[in-house]
Amino acid sequence: MAEQSITLRDHDVNPEPITDNMTTLVTTGAGNGFAIPTTKLGFVFFDNPVAATATITIKGQPTAAQTARGVTVGDETVAIADGGDPVSWYYHSDFKNTDGNVIVECDQLIKVKAIRRPNYNS
């Protein structure tokens, strides 16, 4: 299995509840998870509907320039309690891979929703 692609959702004036229309992870473990496009990515919301704490790993991705200088970018790990409120994560470019995605892996079948940054110029 590979990462599941996520479609960014618009940041509406009258937004739907965070837990509506989330995508559920199909397979857990390394190499499986979500591939979230970073173009205009704002927030990502994670929800844990299972009866166990979920550990989310957001894969760190150093740029070529960082690698050339010996800089490493570690993974970010977040634990989400079962049945709790959804957790938000704001995108940072240190987590963008060469395909232009953020890769998120998890040890439980979590749900995710990615929200596009609002365009204030339109």
PDB file of N, CA and C in Angstrom:
ATOM      1  N   MET A   1       0.850  -1.176   0.000  1.00  0.00           N
ATOM      2  CA  MET A   1       0.000   0.000   0.000  1.00  0.00           C
ATOM      3  C   MET A   1       0.890   1.231   0.000  1.00  0.00           C
ATOM      4  N   ALA A   2       0.376   2.332  -0.431  1.00  0.00           N
ATOM      5  CA  ALA A   2       1.109   3.592  -0.450  1.00  0.00           C
ATOM      6  C   ALA A   2       0.253   4.665   0.216  1.00  0.00           C
ATOM      7  N   GLU A   3       0.742   5.906   0.175  1.00  0.00           N
ATOM      8  CA  GLU A   3      -0.008   6.992   0.781  1.00  0.00           C
ATOM      9  C   GLU A   3      -1.300   7.257   0.011  1.00  0.00           C
ATOM     10  N   GLN A   4      -2.334   7.630   0.747  1.00  0.00           N
ATOM     11  CA  GLN A   4      -3.596   8.038   0.165  1.00  0.00           C
ATOM     12  C   GLN A   4      -3.520   9.531  -0.130  1.00  0.00           C
ATOM     13  N   SER A   5      -3.922   9.935  -1.316  1.00  0.00           N
ATOM     14  CA  SER A   5      -3.946  11.353  -1.659  1.00  0.00           C
ATOM     15  C   SER A   5      -5.164  12.014  -1.020  1.00  0.00           C
ATOM     16  N   ILE A   6      -4.956  13.206  -0.527  1.00  0.00           N
ATOM     17  CA  ILE A   6      -6.018  13.988   0.103  1.00  0.00           C
ATOM     18  C   ILE A   6      -6.306  15.191  -0.779  1.00  0.00           C
ATOM     19  N   THR A   7      -7.575  15.525  -0.935  1.00  0.00           N
ATOM     20  CA  THR A   7      -7.972  16.718  -1.667  1.00  0.00           C
ATOM     21  C   THR A   7      -8.170  17.853  -0.673  1.00  0.00           C
ATOM     22  N   LEU A   8      -7.560  18.992  -0.951  1.00  0.00           N
ATOM     23  CA  LEU A   8      -7.727  20.154  -0.074  1.00  0.00           C
ATOM     24  C   LEU A   8      -9.160  20.651  -0.150  1.00  0.00           C
ATOM     25  N   ARG A   9      -9.687  21.068   0.976  1.00  0.00           N
ATOM     26  CA  ARG A   9     -11.038  21.609   1.046  1.00  0.00           C
ATOM     27  C   ARG A   9     -10.940  23.122   1.205  1.00  0.00           C
ATOM     28  N   ASP A  10     -11.921  23.831   0.662  1.00  0.00           N
ATOM     29  CA  ASP A  10     -11.930  25.281   0.773  1.00  0.00           C
ATOM     30  C   ASP A  10     -12.235  25.724   2.195  1.00  0.00           C
ATOM     31  N   HIS A  11     -11.694  26.886   2.541  1.00  0.00           N
ATOM     32  CA  HIS A  11     -11.989  27.525   3.826  1.00  0.00           C
ATOM     33  C   HIS A  11     -13.195  28.413   3.574  1.00  0.00           C
ATOM     34  N   ASP A  12     -14.374  27.864   3.820  1.00  0.00           N
ATOM     35  CA  ASP A  12     -15.618  28.572   3.498  1.00  0.00           C
ATOM     36  C   ASP A  12     -15.943  29.641   4.532  1.00  0.00           C
ATOM     37  N   VAL A  13     -16.761  30.617   4.092  1.00  0.00           N
ATOM     38  CA  VAL A  13     -17.231  31.659   4.998  1.00  0.00           C
ATOM     39  C   VAL A  13     -18.085  31.016   6.093  1.00  0.00           C
ATOM     40  N   ASN A  14     -18.892  30.037   5.714  1.00  0.00           N
ATOM     41  CA  ASN A  14     -19.713  29.294   6.670  1.00  0.00           C
ATOM     42  C   ASN A  14     -19.230  27.848   6.671  1.00  0.00           C
ATOM     43  N   PRO A  15     -18.129  27.576   7.363  1.00  0.00           N
ATOM     44  CA  PRO A  15     -17.531  26.247   7.273  1.00  0.00           C
ATOM     45  C   PRO A  15     -18.394  25.162   7.906  1.00  0.00           C
ATOM     46  N   GLU A  16     -18.224  23.958   7.357  1.00  0.00           N
ATOM     47  CA  GLU A  16     -18.885  22.790   7.932  1.00  0.00           C
ATOM     48  C   GLU A  16     -18.148  22.374   9.203  1.00  0.00           C
ATOM     49  N   PRO A  17     -18.776  21.555  10.041  1.00  0.00           N
ATOM     50  CA  PRO A  17     -18.056  21.056  11.218  1.00  0.00           C
ATOM     51  C   PRO A  17     -16.764  20.347  10.805  1.00  0.00           C
ATOM     52  N   ILE A  18     -15.748  20.464  11.624  1.00  0.00           N
ATOM     53  CA  ILE A  18     -14.436  19.908  11.300  1.00  0.00           C
ATOM     54  C   ILE A  18     -14.509  18.420  10.988  1.00  0.00           C
ATOM     55  N   THR A  19     -15.319  17.683  11.735  1.00  0.00           N
ATOM     56  CA  THR A  19     -15.351  16.230  11.562  1.00  0.00           C
ATOM     57  C   THR A  19     -16.208  15.768  10.380  1.00  0.00           C
ATOM     58  N   ASP A  20     -16.895  16.680   9.688  1.00  0.00           N
ATOM     59  CA  ASP A  20     -17.649  16.298   8.491  1.00  0.00           C
ATOM     60  C   ASP A  20     -16.702  16.109   7.308  1.00  0.00           C
ATOM     61  N   ASN A  21     -16.986  15.135   6.474  1.00  0.00           N
ATOM     62  CA  ASN A  21     -16.259  14.893   5.222  1.00  0.00           C
ATOM     63  C   ASN A  21     -14.753  14.695   5.424  1.00  0.00           C
ATOM     64  N   MET A  22     -14.375  13.983   6.465  1.00  0.00           N
ATOM     65  CA  MET A  22     -12.969  13.640   6.674  1.00  0.00           C
ATOM     66  C   MET A  22     -12.653  12.353   5.924  1.00  0.00           C
ATOM     67  N   THR A  23     -11.388  12.152   5.595  1.00  0.00           N
ATOM     68  CA  THR A  23     -10.930  10.943   4.923  1.00  0.00           C
ATOM     69  C   THR A  23     -10.323  10.016   5.964  1.00  0.00           C
ATOM     70  N   THR A  24     -10.723   8.733   5.930  1.00  0.00           N
ATOM     71  CA  THR A  24     -10.219   7.754   6.889  1.00  0.00           C
ATOM     72  C   THR A  24      -9.022   7.014   6.311  1.00  0.00           C
ATOM     73  N   LEU A  25      -7.988   6.876   7.123  1.00  0.00           N
ATOM     74  CA  LEU A  25      -6.803   6.118   6.733  1.00  0.00           C
ATOM     75  C   LEU A  25      -7.183   4.658   6.516  1.00  0.00           C
ATOM     76  N   VAL A  26      -6.654   4.039   5.451  1.00  0.00           N
ATOM     77  CA  VAL A  26      -6.991   2.666   5.103  1.00  0.00           C
ATOM     78  C   VAL A  26      -6.010   1.680   5.721  1.00  0.00           C
ATOM     79  N   THR A  27      -4.719   1.995   5.713  1.00  0.00           N
ATOM     80  CA  THR A  27      -3.688   1.080   6.212  1.00  0.00           C
ATOM     81  C   THR A  27      -2.704   1.858   7.078  1.00  0.00           C
ATOM     82  N   THR A  28      -2.272   1.238   8.172  1.00  0.00           N
ATOM     83  CA  THR A  28      -1.339   1.900   9.080  1.00  0.00           C
ATOM     84  C   THR A  28       0.092   1.454   8.813  1.00  0.00           C
ATOM     85  N   GLY A  29       1.037   2.151   9.455  1.00  0.00           N
ATOM     86  CA  GLY A  29       2.430   1.740   9.404  1.00  0.00           C
ATOM     87  C   GLY A  29       3.280   2.557   8.461  1.00  0.00           C
ATOM     88  N   ALA A  30       4.593   2.306   8.525  1.00  0.00           N
ATOM     89  CA  ALA A  30       5.564   3.025   7.700  1.00  0.00           C
ATOM     90  C   ALA A  30       5.271   2.809   6.220  1.00  0.00           C
ATOM     91  N   GLY A  31       5.345   3.877   5.452  1.00  0.00           N
ATOM     92  CA  GLY A  31       5.091   3.799   4.016  1.00  0.00           C
ATOM     93  C   GLY A  31       3.626   3.891   3.657  1.00  0.00           C
ATOM     94  N   ASN A  32       2.760   3.915   4.647  1.00  0.00           N
ATOM     95  CA  ASN A  32       1.319   4.071   4.439  1.00  0.00           C
ATOM     96  C   ASN A  32       0.876   5.318   5.186  1.00  0.00           C
ATOM     97  N   GLY A  33      -0.150   5.938   4.722  1.00  0.00           N
ATOM     98  CA  GLY A  33      -0.640   7.136   5.378  1.00  0.00           C
ATOM     99  C   GLY A  33      -1.272   8.060   4.372  1.00  0.00           C
ATOM    100  N   PHE A  34      -1.170   9.350   4.638  1.00  0.00           N
ATOM    101  CA  PHE A  34      -1.767  10.364   3.784  1.00  0.00           C
ATOM    102  C   PHE A  34      -0.690  11.163   3.069  1.00  0.00           C
ATOM    103  N   ALA A  35      -0.943  11.496   1.808  1.00  0.00           N
ATOM    104  CA  ALA A  35      -0.116  12.433   1.046  1.00  0.00           C
ATOM    105  C   ALA A  35      -0.976  13.680   0.848  1.00  0.00           C
ATOM    106  N   ILE A  36      -0.589  14.759   1.499  1.00  0.00           N
ATOM    107  CA  ILE A  36      -1.382  15.985   1.476  1.00  0.00           C
ATOM    108  C   ILE A  36      -0.655  17.022   0.630  1.00  0.00           C
ATOM    109  N   PRO A  37      -1.305  17.511  -0.452  1.00  0.00           N
ATOM    110  CA  PRO A  37      -0.636  18.503  -1.303  1.00  0.00           C
ATOM    111  C   PRO A  37      -0.396  19.807  -0.545  1.00  0.00           C
ATOM    112  N   THR A  38       0.742  20.429  -0.793  1.00  0.00           N
ATOM    113  CA  THR A  38       1.109  21.632  -0.039  1.00  0.00           C
ATOM    114  C   THR A  38       0.745  22.931  -0.736  1.00  0.00           C
ATOM    115  N   THR A  39       0.302  22.896  -1.986  1.00  0.00           N
ATOM    116  CA  THR A  39      -0.064  24.118  -2.689  1.00  0.00           C
ATOM    117  C   THR A  39      -1.259  24.762  -1.996  1.00  0.00           C
ATOM    118  N   LYS A  40      -1.037  25.922  -1.426  1.00  0.00           N
ATOM    119  CA  LYS A  40      -2.046  26.684  -0.685  1.00  0.00           C
ATOM    120  C   LYS A  40      -2.565  25.951   0.549  1.00  0.00           C
ATOM    121  N   LEU A  41      -1.799  25.004   1.067  1.00  0.00           N
ATOM    122  CA  LEU A  41      -2.212  24.283   2.265  1.00  0.00           C
ATOM    123  C   LEU A  41      -2.151  25.192   3.477  1.00  0.00           C
ATOM    124  N   GLY A  42      -3.195  25.156   4.274  1.00  0.00           N
ATOM    125  CA  GLY A  42      -3.239  25.907   5.520  1.00  0.00           C
ATOM    126  C   GLY A  42      -3.157  24.950   6.694  1.00  0.00           C
ATOM    127  N   PHE A  43      -4.302  24.582   7.219  1.00  0.00           N
ATOM    128  CA  PHE A  43      -4.373  23.687   8.369  1.00  0.00           C
ATOM    129  C   PHE A  43      -4.719  22.264   7.954  1.00  0.00           C
ATOM    130  N   VAL A  44      -4.279  21.325   8.784  1.00  0.00           N
ATOM    131  CA  VAL A  44      -4.690  19.932   8.664  1.00  0.00           C
ATOM    132  C   VAL A  44      -5.311  19.558   9.998  1.00  0.00           C
ATOM    133  N   PHE A  45      -6.475  18.922   9.943  1.00  0.00           N
ATOM    134  CA  PHE A  45      -7.154  18.476  11.152  1.00  0.00           C
ATOM    135  C   PHE A  45      -7.114  16.960  11.213  1.00  0.00           C
ATOM    136  N   PHE A  46      -6.764  16.429  12.378  1.00  0.00           N
ATOM    137  CA  PHE A  46      -6.714  14.993  12.615  1.00  0.00           C
ATOM    138  C   PHE A  46      -7.762  14.633  13.660  1.00  0.00           C
ATOM    139  N   ASP A  47      -8.464  13.533  13.426  1.00  0.00           N
ATOM    140  CA  ASP A  47      -9.453  13.046  14.371  1.00  0.00           C
ATOM    141  C   ASP A  47      -9.182  11.568  14.632  1.00  0.00           C
ATOM    142  N   ASN A  48      -9.309  11.166  15.882  1.00  0.00           N
ATOM    143  CA  ASN A  48      -9.042   9.779  16.269  1.00  0.00           C
ATOM    144  C   ASN A  48     -10.324   9.137  16.788  1.00  0.00           C
ATOM    145  N   PRO A  49     -11.053   8.405  15.929  1.00  0.00           N
ATOM    146  CA  PRO A  49     -12.290   7.776  16.371  1.00  0.00           C
ATOM    147  C   PRO A  49     -12.110   6.379  16.970  1.00  0.00           C
ATOM    148  N   VAL A  50     -10.902   5.868  17.027  1.00  0.00           N
ATOM    149  CA  VAL A  50     -10.681   4.504  17.520  1.00  0.00           C
ATOM    150  C   VAL A  50     -10.481   4.496  19.034  1.00  0.00           C
ATOM    151  N   ALA A  51     -10.544   3.317  19.633  1.00  0.00           N
ATOM    152  CA  ALA A  51     -10.479   3.186  21.089  1.00  0.00           C
ATOM    153  C   ALA A  51      -9.050   3.002  21.591  1.00  0.00           C
ATOM    154  N   ALA A  52      -8.114   3.760  21.048  1.00  0.00           N
ATOM    155  CA  ALA A  52      -6.713   3.710  21.479  1.00  0.00           C
ATOM    156  C   ALA A  52      -6.054   5.025  21.086  1.00  0.00           C
ATOM    157  N   THR A  53      -5.016   5.401  21.816  1.00  0.00           N
ATOM    158  CA  THR A  53      -4.270   6.610  21.467  1.00  0.00           C
ATOM    159  C   THR A  53      -3.595   6.409  20.112  1.00  0.00           C
ATOM    160  N   ALA A  54      -3.696   7.409  19.257  1.00  0.00           N
ATOM    161  CA  ALA A  54      -3.075   7.355  17.930  1.00  0.00           C
ATOM    162  C   ALA A  54      -1.799   8.185  17.943  1.00  0.00           C
ATOM    163  N   THR A  55      -0.734   7.637  17.375  1.00  0.00           N
ATOM    164  CA  THR A  55       0.519   8.379  17.229  1.00  0.00           C
ATOM    165  C   THR A  55       0.692   8.716  15.759  1.00  0.00           C
ATOM    166  N   ILE A  56       0.671  10.019  15.473  1.00  0.00           N
ATOM    167  CA  ILE A  56       0.801  10.520  14.108  1.00  0.00           C
ATOM    168  C   ILE A  56       2.248  10.935  13.899  1.00  0.00           C
ATOM    169  N   THR A  57       2.816  10.565  12.760  1.00  0.00           N
ATOM    170  CA  THR A  57       4.169  10.988  12.404  1.00  0.00           C
ATOM    171  C   THR A  57       4.100  11.796  11.122  1.00  0.00           C
ATOM    172  N   ILE A  58       4.506  13.061  11.201  1.00  0.00           N
ATOM    173  CA  ILE A  58       4.581  13.932  10.033  1.00  0.00           C
ATOM    174  C   ILE A  58       6.041  13.908   9.611  1.00  0.00           C
ATOM    175  N   LYS A  59       6.290  13.395   8.420  1.00  0.00           N
ATOM    176  CA  LYS A  59       7.653  13.119   7.974  1.00  0.00           C
ATOM    177  C   LYS A  59       8.408  14.401   7.619  1.00  0.00           C
ATOM    178  N   GLY A  60       9.554  14.604   8.268  1.00  0.00           N
ATOM    179  CA  GLY A  60      10.424  15.740   7.970  1.00  0.00           C
ATOM    180  C   GLY A  60      11.135  15.526   6.643  1.00  0.00           C
ATOM    181  N   GLN A  61      11.260  16.577   5.855  1.00  0.00           N
ATOM    182  CA  GLN A  61      11.844  16.483   4.515  1.00  0.00           C
ATOM    183  C   GLN A  61      12.832  17.620   4.298  1.00  0.00           C
ATOM    184  N   PRO A  62      14.131  17.405   4.534  1.00  0.00           N
ATOM    185  CA  PRO A  62      15.095  18.492   4.309  1.00  0.00           C
ATOM    186  C   PRO A  62      15.202  18.827   2.819  1.00  0.00           C
ATOM    187  N   THR A  63      15.436  20.104   2.525  1.00  0.00           N
ATOM    188  CA  THR A  63      15.654  20.513   1.147  1.00  0.00           C
ATOM    189  C   THR A  63      17.054  20.081   0.711  1.00  0.00           C
ATOM    190  N   ALA A  64      17.322  20.160  -0.579  1.00  0.00           N
ATOM    191  CA  ALA A  64      18.651  19.823  -1.084  1.00  0.00           C
ATOM    192  C   ALA A  64      19.711  20.738  -0.463  1.00  0.00           C
ATOM    193  N   ALA A  65      19.391  22.023  -0.309  1.00  0.00           N
ATOM    194  CA  ALA A  65      20.332  22.966   0.292  1.00  0.00           C
ATOM    195  C   ALA A  65      20.609  22.606   1.753  1.00  0.00           C
ATOM    196  N   GLN A  66      19.576  22.205   2.482  1.00  0.00           N
ATOM    197  CA  GLN A  66      19.766  21.806   3.874  1.00  0.00           C
ATOM    198  C   GLN A  66      20.642  20.556   3.954  1.00  0.00           C
ATOM    199  N   THR A  67      20.357  19.594   3.098  1.00  0.00           N
ATOM    200  CA  THR A  67      21.131  18.355   3.085  1.00  0.00           C
ATOM    201  C   THR A  67      22.593  18.639   2.758  1.00  0.00           C
ATOM    202  N   ALA A  68      22.847  19.526   1.787  1.00  0.00           N
ATOM    203  CA  ALA A  68      24.214  19.865   1.396  1.00  0.00           C
ATOM    204  C   ALA A  68      24.988  20.499   2.551  1.00  0.00           C
ATOM    205  N   ARG A  69      24.280  21.157   3.441  1.00  0.00           N
ATOM    206  CA  ARG A  69      24.923  21.806   4.589  1.00  0.00           C
ATOM    207  C   ARG A  69      24.907  20.927   5.843  1.00  0.00           C
ATOM    208  N   GLY A  70      24.413  19.704   5.697  1.00  0.00           N
ATOM    209  CA  GLY A  70      24.387  18.786   6.828  1.00  0.00           C
ATOM    210  C   GLY A  70      23.254  19.024   7.807  1.00  0.00           C
ATOM    211  N   VAL A  71      22.247  19.781   7.381  1.00  0.00           N
ATOM    212  CA  VAL A  71      21.096  20.064   8.239  1.00  0.00           C
ATOM    213  C   VAL A  71      20.095  18.917   8.127  1.00  0.00           C
ATOM    214  N   THR A  72      19.621  18.436   9.253  1.00  0.00           N
ATOM    215  CA  THR A  72      18.592  17.402   9.237  1.00  0.00           C
ATOM    216  C   THR A  72      17.273  17.986   9.725  1.00  0.00           C
ATOM    217  N   VAL A  73      16.190  17.464   9.211  1.00  0.00           N
ATOM    218  CA  VAL A  73      14.855  17.868   9.637  1.00  0.00           C
ATOM    219  C   VAL A  73      14.179  16.621  10.178  1.00  0.00           C
ATOM    220  N   GLY A  74      13.918  16.617  11.458  1.00  0.00           N
ATOM    221  CA  GLY A  74      13.308  15.449  12.086  1.00  0.00           C
ATOM    222  C   GLY A  74      11.815  15.363  11.828  1.00  0.00           C
ATOM    223  N   ASP A  75      11.286  14.176  12.048  1.00  0.00           N
ATOM    224  CA  ASP A  75       9.846  13.980  11.961  1.00  0.00           C
ATOM    225  C   ASP A  75       9.177  14.670  13.144  1.00  0.00           C
ATOM    226  N   GLU A  76       7.930  15.063  12.951  1.00  0.00           N
ATOM    227  CA  GLU A  76       7.131  15.603  14.044  1.00  0.00           C
ATOM    228  C   GLU A  76       6.145  14.519  14.460  1.00  0.00           C
ATOM    229  N   THR A  77       6.068  14.258  15.751  1.00  0.00           N
ATOM    230  CA  THR A  77       5.185  13.219  16.260  1.00  0.00           C
ATOM    231  C   THR A  77       4.148  13.843  17.183  1.00  0.00           C
ATOM    232  N   VAL A  78       2.889  13.450  16.979  1.00  0.00           N
ATOM    233  CA  VAL A  78       1.782  13.967  17.774  1.00  0.00           C
ATOM    234  C   VAL A  78       0.947  12.785  18.252  1.00  0.00           C
ATOM    235  N   ALA A  79       0.613  12.766  19.531  1.00  0.00           N
ATOM    236  CA  ALA A  79      -0.272  11.729  20.073  1.00  0.00           C
ATOM    237  C   ALA A  79      -1.669  12.318  20.245  1.00  0.00           C
ATOM    238  N   ILE A  80      -2.668  11.566  19.793  1.00  0.00           N
ATOM    239  CA  ILE A  80      -4.054  12.013  19.909  1.00  0.00           C
ATOM    240  C   ILE A  80      -4.825  10.967  20.711  1.00  0.00           C
ATOM    241  N   ALA A  81      -5.425  11.411  21.810  1.00  0.00           N
ATOM    242  CA  ALA A  81      -6.210  10.504  22.647  1.00  0.00           C
ATOM    243  C   ALA A  81      -7.450  10.031  21.895  1.00  0.00           C
ATOM    244  N   ASP A  82      -7.902   8.844  22.224  1.00  0.00           N
ATOM    245  CA  ASP A  82      -9.107   8.318  21.595  1.00  0.00           C
ATOM    246  C   ASP A  82     -10.328   9.115  22.048  1.00  0.00           C
ATOM    247  N   GLY A  83     -11.201   9.383  21.097  1.00  0.00           N
ATOM    248  CA  GLY A  83     -12.450  10.053  21.398  1.00  0.00           C
ATOM    249  C   GLY A  83     -12.325  11.515  21.778  1.00  0.00           C
ATOM    250  N   GLY A  84     -11.143  12.104  21.654  1.00  0.00           N
ATOM    251  CA  GLY A  84     -10.963  13.509  22.004  1.00  0.00           C
ATOM    252  C   GLY A  84     -11.365  14.437  20.869  1.00  0.00           C
ATOM    253  N   ASP A  85     -11.144  15.700  21.088  1.00  0.00           N
ATOM    254  CA  ASP A  85     -11.422  16.683  20.042  1.00  0.00           C
ATOM    255  C   ASP A  85     -10.395  16.549  18.928  1.00  0.00           C
ATOM    256  N   PRO A  86     -10.762  16.919  17.701  1.00  0.00           N
ATOM    257  CA  PRO A  86      -9.782  16.912  16.611  1.00  0.00           C
ATOM    258  C   PRO A  86      -8.605  17.829  16.936  1.00  0.00           C
ATOM    259  N   VAL A  87      -7.450  17.479  16.409  1.00  0.00           N
ATOM    260  CA  VAL A  87      -6.214  18.229  16.632  1.00  0.00           C
ATOM    261  C   VAL A  87      -5.829  18.906  15.323  1.00  0.00           C
ATOM    262  N   SER A  88      -5.399  20.178  15.399  1.00  0.00           N
ATOM    263  CA  SER A  88      -4.994  20.885  14.184  1.00  0.00           C
ATOM    264  C   SER A  88      -3.474  20.952  14.094  1.00  0.00           C
ATOM    265  N   TRP A  89      -2.988  21.019  12.869  1.00  0.00           N
ATOM    266  CA  TRP A  89      -1.555  21.160  12.598  1.00  0.00           C
ATOM    267  C   TRP A  89      -1.429  22.145  11.456  1.00  0.00           C
ATOM    268  N   TYR A  90      -0.574  23.167  11.632  1.00  0.00           N
ATOM    269  CA  TYR A  90      -0.363  24.173  10.581  1.00  0.00           C
ATOM    270  C   TYR A  90       0.848  23.780   9.752  1.00  0.00           C
ATOM    271  N   TYR A  91       0.677  23.780   8.442  1.00  0.00           N
ATOM    272  CA  TYR A  91       1.727  23.367   7.513  1.00  0.00           C
ATOM    273  C   TYR A  91       2.972  24.236   7.619  1.00  0.00           C
ATOM    274  N   HIS A  92       4.131  23.595   7.560  1.00  0.00           N
ATOM    275  CA  HIS A  92       5.423  24.274   7.491  1.00  0.00           C
ATOM    276  C   HIS A  92       6.241  23.611   6.385  1.00  0.00           C
ATOM    277  N   SER A  93       6.993  24.393   5.614  1.00  0.00           N
ATOM    278  CA  SER A  93       7.707  23.877   4.444  1.00  0.00           C
ATOM    279  C   SER A  93       8.765  22.828   4.766  1.00  0.00           C
ATOM    280  N   ASP A  94       9.199  22.705   6.016  1.00  0.00           N
ATOM    281  CA  ASP A  94      10.160  21.653   6.376  1.00  0.00           C
ATOM    282  C   ASP A  94       9.576  20.259   6.185  1.00  0.00           C
ATOM    283  N   PHE A  95       8.274  20.169   5.957  1.00  0.00           N
ATOM    284  CA  PHE A  95       7.624  18.876   5.822  1.00  0.00           C
ATOM    285  C   PHE A  95       7.169  18.596   4.393  1.00  0.00           C
ATOM    286  N   LYS A  96       7.557  19.433   3.437  1.00  0.00           N
ATOM    287  CA  LYS A  96       7.180  19.251   2.028  1.00  0.00           C
ATOM    288  C   LYS A  96       8.196  18.341   1.358  1.00  0.00           C
ATOM    289  N   ASN A  97       7.721  17.242   0.760  1.00  0.00           N
ATOM    290  CA  ASN A  97       8.652  16.342   0.080  1.00  0.00           C
ATOM    291  C   ASN A  97       8.877  16.788  -1.363  1.00  0.00           C
ATOM    292  N   THR A  98       9.695  16.059  -2.113  1.00  0.00           N
ATOM    293  CA  THR A  98      10.041  16.450  -3.482  1.00  0.00           C
ATOM    294  C   THR A  98       8.848  16.372  -4.434  1.00  0.00           C
ATOM    295  N   ASP A  99       7.792  15.652  -4.046  1.00  0.00           N
ATOM    296  CA  ASP A  99       6.572  15.596  -4.858  1.00  0.00           C
ATOM    297  C   ASP A  99       5.602  16.723  -4.522  1.00  0.00           C
ATOM    298  N   GLY A 100       5.976  17.563  -3.562  1.00  0.00           N
ATOM    299  CA  GLY A 100       5.113  18.673  -3.166  1.00  0.00           C
ATOM    300  C   GLY A 100       4.037  18.271  -2.171  1.00  0.00           C
ATOM    301  N   ASN A 101       4.251  17.180  -1.440  1.00  0.00           N
ATOM    302  CA  ASN A 101       3.270  16.700  -0.467  1.00  0.00           C
ATOM    303  C   ASN A 101       3.846  16.672   0.937  1.00  0.00           C
ATOM    304  N   VAL A 102       2.957  16.685   1.916  1.00  0.00           N
ATOM    305  CA  VAL A 102       3.295  16.366   3.292  1.00  0.00           C
ATOM    306  C   VAL A 102       2.872  14.918   3.495  1.00  0.00           C
ATOM    307  N   ILE A 103       3.758  14.094   4.031  1.00  0.00           N
ATOM    308  CA  ILE A 103       3.447  12.684   4.266  1.00  0.00           C
ATOM    309  C   ILE A 103       3.161  12.493   5.750  1.00  0.00           C
ATOM    310  N   VAL A 104       2.004  11.915   6.040  1.00  0.00           N
ATOM    311  CA  VAL A 104       1.570  11.661   7.408  1.00  0.00           C
ATOM    312  C   VAL A 104       1.332  10.166   7.566  1.00  0.00           C
ATOM    313  N   GLU A 105       1.998   9.571   8.547  1.00  0.00           N
ATOM    314  CA  GLU A 105       1.795   8.155   8.860  1.00  0.00           C
ATOM    315  C   GLU A 105       1.190   8.055  10.258  1.00  0.00           C
ATOM    316  N   CYS A 106       0.477   6.960  10.519  1.00  0.00           N
ATOM    317  CA  CYS A 106      -0.146   6.792  11.821  1.00  0.00           C
ATOM    318  C   CYS A 106      -0.283   5.314  12.167  1.00  0.00           C
ATOM    319  N   ASP A 107      -0.329   5.040  13.451  1.00  0.00           N
ATOM    320  CA  ASP A 107      -0.462   3.649  13.905  1.00  0.00           C
ATOM    321  C   ASP A 107      -1.915   3.241  14.157  1.00  0.00           C
ATOM    322  N   GLN A 108      -2.859   4.159  13.924  1.00  0.00           N
ATOM    323  CA  GLN A 108      -4.290   3.868  14.053  1.00  0.00           C
ATOM    324  C   GLN A 108      -5.014   4.387  12.820  1.00  0.00           C
ATOM    325  N   LEU A 109      -6.229   3.918  12.599  1.00  0.00           N
ATOM    326  CA  LEU A 109      -7.010   4.348  11.440  1.00  0.00           C
ATOM    327  C   LEU A 109      -7.698   5.680  11.747  1.00  0.00           C
ATOM    328  N   ILE A 110      -6.913   6.748  11.698  1.00  0.00           N
ATOM    329  CA  ILE A 110      -7.395   8.096  11.994  1.00  0.00           C
ATOM    330  C   ILE A 110      -8.146   8.669  10.799  1.00  0.00           C
ATOM    331  N   LYS A 111      -8.703   9.855  11.001  1.00  0.00           N
ATOM    332  CA  LYS A 111      -9.353  10.612   9.931  1.00  0.00           C
ATOM    333  C   LYS A 111      -8.617  11.937   9.777  1.00  0.00           C
ATOM    334  N   VAL A 112      -8.650  12.487   8.555  1.00  0.00           N
ATOM    335  CA  VAL A 112      -7.945  13.738   8.297  1.00  0.00           C
ATOM    336  C   VAL A 112      -8.767  14.620   7.363  1.00  0.00           C
ATOM    337  N   LYS A 113      -8.599  15.936   7.524  1.00  0.00           N
ATOM    338  CA  LYS A 113      -9.161  16.927   6.604  1.00  0.00           C
ATOM    339  C   LYS A 113      -8.123  18.020   6.455  1.00  0.00           C
ATOM    340  N   ALA A 114      -7.804  18.383   5.218  1.00  0.00           N
ATOM    341  CA  ALA A 114      -6.829  19.437   4.936  1.00  0.00           C
ATOM    342  C   ALA A 114      -7.575  20.636   4.365  1.00  0.00           C
ATOM    343  N   ILE A 115      -7.296  21.811   4.918  1.00  0.00           N
ATOM    344  CA  ILE A 115      -7.993  23.039   4.531  1.00  0.00           C
ATOM    345  C   ILE A 115      -7.047  23.957   3.758  1.00  0.00           C
ATOM    346  N   ARG A 116      -7.514  24.413   2.605  1.00  0.00           N
ATOM    347  CA  ARG A 116      -6.767  25.355   1.771  1.00  0.00           C
ATOM    348  C   ARG A 116      -6.749  26.725   2.448  1.00  0.00           C
ATOM    349  N   ARG A 117      -5.608  27.418   2.340  1.00  0.00           N
ATOM    350  CA  ARG A 117      -5.526  28.786   2.855  1.00  0.00           C
ATOM    351  C   ARG A 117      -6.551  29.644   2.130  1.00  0.00           C
ATOM    352  N   PRO A 118      -7.205  30.555   2.844  1.00  0.00           N
ATOM    353  CA  PRO A 118      -8.125  31.451   2.160  1.00  0.00           C
ATOM    354  C   PRO A 118      -7.369  32.393   1.232  1.00  0.00           C
ATOM    355  N   ASN A 119      -7.972  32.745   0.121  1.00  0.00           N
ATOM    356  CA  ASN A 119      -7.382  33.704  -0.800  1.00  0.00           C
ATOM    357  C   ASN A 119      -8.065  35.043  -0.568  1.00  0.00           C
ATOM    358  N   TYR A 120      -7.364  35.936   0.102  1.00  0.00           N
ATOM    359  CA  TYR A 120      -7.952  37.220   0.453  1.00  0.00           C
ATOM    360  C   TYR A 120      -7.967  38.204  -0.702  1.00  0.00           C
ATOM    361  N   ASN A 121      -7.404  37.839  -1.850  1.00  0.00           N
ATOM    362  CA  ASN A 121      -7.331  38.756  -2.989  1.00  0.00           C
ATOM    363  C   ASN A 121      -8.428  38.507  -4.011  1.00  0.00           C
ATOM    364  N   SER A 122      -9.305  37.561  -3.768  1.00  0.00           N
ATOM    365  CA  SER A 122     -10.341  37.278  -4.781  1.00  0.00           C
ATOM    366  C   SER A 122     -11.689  37.775  -4.333  1.00  0.00           C
TER     367      SER A 122
END
